[in-house]
C-alpha atoms as a PDB file:
ATOM      1  CA  UNK A   1       2.938 -19.853 -24.055  1.00  0.00           C
ATOM      2  CA  UNK A   2       5.927 -22.080 -23.232  1.00  0.00           C
ATOM      3  CA  UNK A   3       3.875 -25.200 -22.474  1.00  0.00           C
ATOM      4  CA  UNK A   4       2.262 -26.447 -25.650  1.00  0.00           C
ATOM      5  CA  UNK A   5       0.112 -29.451 -26.370  1.00  0.00           C
ATOM      6  CA  UNK A   6      -0.983 -30.145 -22.787  1.00  0.00           C
ATOM      7  CA  UNK A   7      -2.982 -28.672 -19.978  1.00  0.00           C
ATOM      8  CA  UNK A   8      -1.412 -25.491 -18.618  1.00  0.00           C
ATOM      9  CA  UNK A   9      -3.206 -25.332 -15.305  1.00  0.00           C
ATOM     10  CA  UNK A  10      -2.111 -25.262 -11.672  1.00  0.00           C
ATOM     11  CA  UNK A  11      -3.987 -27.789  -9.530  1.00  0.00           C
ATOM     12  CA  UNK A  12      -4.526 -27.043  -5.836  1.00  0.00           C
ATOM     13  CA  UNK A  13      -5.979 -29.366  -3.210  1.00  0.00           C
ATOM     14  CA  UNK A  14      -6.327 -28.684   0.503  1.00  0.00           C
ATOM     15  CA  UNK A  15      -7.814 -31.126   3.000  1.00  0.00           C
ATOM     16  CA  UNK A  16      -8.207 -30.698   6.749  1.00  0.00           C
ATOM     17  CA  UNK A  17      -9.077 -33.886   8.595  1.00  0.00           C
ATOM     18  CA  UNK A  18      -8.305 -35.251  12.058  1.00  0.00           C
ATOM     19  CA  UNK A  19      -6.277 -32.151  13.020  1.00  0.00           C
ATOM     20  CA  UNK A  20      -4.019 -32.573   9.977  1.00  0.00           C
ATOM     21  CA  UNK A  21      -3.735 -30.072   7.148  1.00  0.00           C
ATOM     22  CA  UNK A  22      -2.667 -31.490   3.798  1.00  0.00           C
ATOM     23  CA  UNK A  23      -1.967 -29.101   0.911  1.00  0.00           C
ATOM     24  CA  UNK A  24      -0.939 -30.291  -2.539  1.00  0.00           C
ATOM     25  CA  UNK A  25      -0.092 -28.069  -5.526  1.00  0.00           C
ATOM     26  CA  UNK A  26       0.767 -29.413  -8.990  1.00  0.00           C
ATOM     27  CA  UNK A  27       2.196 -27.063 -11.588  1.00  0.00           C
ATOM     28  CA  UNK A  28       3.233 -27.834 -15.189  1.00  0.00           C
ATOM     29  CA  UNK A  29       6.839 -26.944 -15.993  1.00  0.00           C
ATOM     30  CA  UNK A  30       8.989 -26.803 -19.106  1.00  0.00           C
ATOM     31  CA  UNK A  31      12.410 -27.565 -17.616  1.00  0.00           C
ATOM     32  CA  UNK A  32      13.506 -29.763 -14.748  1.00  0.00           C
ATOM     33  CA  UNK A  33      13.899 -28.092 -11.380  1.00  0.00           C
ATOM     34  CA  UNK A  34      17.522 -27.598 -10.414  1.00  0.00           C
ATOM     35  CA  UNK A  35      18.471 -28.285  -6.813  1.00  0.00           C
ATOM     36  CA  UNK A  36      21.734 -27.329  -5.115  1.00  0.00           C
ATOM     37  CA  UNK A  37      22.492 -28.129  -1.453  1.00  0.00           C
ATOM     38  CA  UNK A  38      18.834 -28.922  -0.768  1.00  0.00           C
ATOM     39  CA  UNK A  39      17.640 -25.604  -2.243  1.00  0.00           C
ATOM     40  CA  UNK A  40      15.731 -25.227  -5.478  1.00  0.00           C
ATOM     41  CA  UNK A  41      17.341 -22.874  -7.973  1.00  0.00           C
ATOM     42  CA  UNK A  42      15.103 -20.773 -10.175  1.00  0.00           C
ATOM     43  CA  UNK A  43      15.312 -21.076 -13.954  1.00  0.00           C
ATOM     44  CA  UNK A  44      13.918 -17.552 -14.414  1.00  0.00           C
ATOM     45  CA  UNK A  45      16.141 -14.880 -15.947  1.00  0.00           C
ATOM     46  CA  UNK A  46      16.070 -12.378 -13.062  1.00  0.00           C
ATOM     47  CA  UNK A  47      17.230 -14.642 -10.240  1.00  0.00           C
ATOM     48  CA  UNK A  48      17.293 -11.824  -7.671  1.00  0.00           C
ATOM     49  CA  UNK A  49      13.512 -11.588  -7.497  1.00  0.00           C
ATOM     50  CA  UNK A  50      12.566 -15.267  -7.958  1.00  0.00           C
ATOM     51  CA  UNK A  51      12.755 -18.249  -5.618  1.00  0.00           C
ATOM     52  CA  UNK A  52      11.712 -16.221  -2.590  1.00  0.00           C
ATOM     53  CA  UNK A  53       8.284 -17.867  -2.370  1.00  0.00           C
ATOM     54  CA  UNK A  54       9.631 -21.381  -1.824  1.00  0.00           C
ATOM     55  CA  UNK A  55      11.912 -20.153   0.974  1.00  0.00           C
ATOM     56  CA  UNK A  56       8.959 -18.410   2.617  1.00  0.00           C
ATOM     57  CA  UNK A  57       6.818 -21.555   2.363  1.00  0.00           C
ATOM     58  CA  UNK A  58       9.622 -23.669   3.831  1.00  0.00           C
ATOM     59  CA  UNK A  59      10.011 -21.243   6.767  1.00  0.00           C
ATOM     60  CA  UNK A  60       6.283 -21.353   7.583  1.00  0.00           C
ATOM     61  CA  UNK A  61       6.152 -25.144   7.347  1.00  0.00           C
ATOM     62  CA  UNK A  62       9.156 -25.415   9.690  1.00  0.00           C
ATOM     63  CA  UNK A  63       7.587 -22.925  12.114  1.00  0.00           C
ATOM     64  CA  UNK A  64       4.552 -25.188  12.467  1.00  0.00           C
ATOM     65  CA  UNK A  65       6.714 -28.336  12.574  1.00  0.00           C
ATOM     66  CA  UNK A  66       5.290 -29.603   9.310  1.00  0.00           C
ATOM     67  CA  UNK A  67       6.669 -31.544   6.412  1.00  0.00           C
ATOM     68  CA  UNK A  68       7.261 -30.287   2.870  1.00  0.00           C
ATOM     69  CA  UNK A  69       7.800 -32.762   0.042  1.00  0.00           C
ATOM     70  CA  UNK A  70       8.425 -31.753  -3.539  1.00  0.00           C
ATOM     71  CA  UNK A  71       8.780 -33.805  -6.642  1.00  0.00           C
ATOM     72  CA  UNK A  72       9.529 -33.110 -10.265  1.00  0.00           C
ATOM     73  CA  UNK A  73       8.444 -35.701 -12.829  1.00  0.00           C
ATOM     74  CA  UNK A  74       6.707 -35.930 -16.200  1.00  0.00           C
ATOM     75  CA  UNK A  75       7.036 -32.145 -16.652  1.00  0.00           C
ATOM     76  CA  UNK A  76       5.111 -31.371 -13.465  1.00  0.00           C
ATOM     77  CA  UNK A  77       6.327 -29.854 -10.218  1.00  0.00           C
ATOM     78  CA  UNK A  78       4.336 -31.092  -7.218  1.00  0.00           C
ATOM     79  CA  UNK A  79       4.644 -29.859  -3.651  1.00  0.00           C
ATOM     80  CA  UNK A  80       2.869 -31.456  -0.704  1.00  0.00           C
ATOM     81  CA  UNK A  81       2.713 -29.819   2.711  1.00  0.00           C
ATOM     82  CA  UNK A  82       1.543 -31.700   5.785  1.00  0.00           C
ATOM     83  CA  UNK A  83       1.011 -29.980   9.133  1.00  0.00           C
ATOM     84  CA  UNK A  84      -0.281 -31.935  12.132  1.00  0.00           C
ATOM     85  CA  UNK A  85      -2.161 -30.748  15.218  1.00  0.00           C
ATOM     86  CA  UNK A  86      -3.681 -27.601  13.809  1.00  0.00           C
END
């Protein structure tokens, strides 16, 4: 396992309240996330088949006029998605 000496667990939280959906996912990472022109670049070896999921998530969030915020700090990648009026 690449991540040693700390919890290697993805945390997922989803709350729906007052017609607002809030989804938060926190994932431990080894390396910093690389971003170019507002797009995250995968650190995986086979780049052709990775990174597609984030683009798909971004497209769905935009379709529903939501907001997607991601952060990388303390060896964790966190993404928060907020969609109003659902």
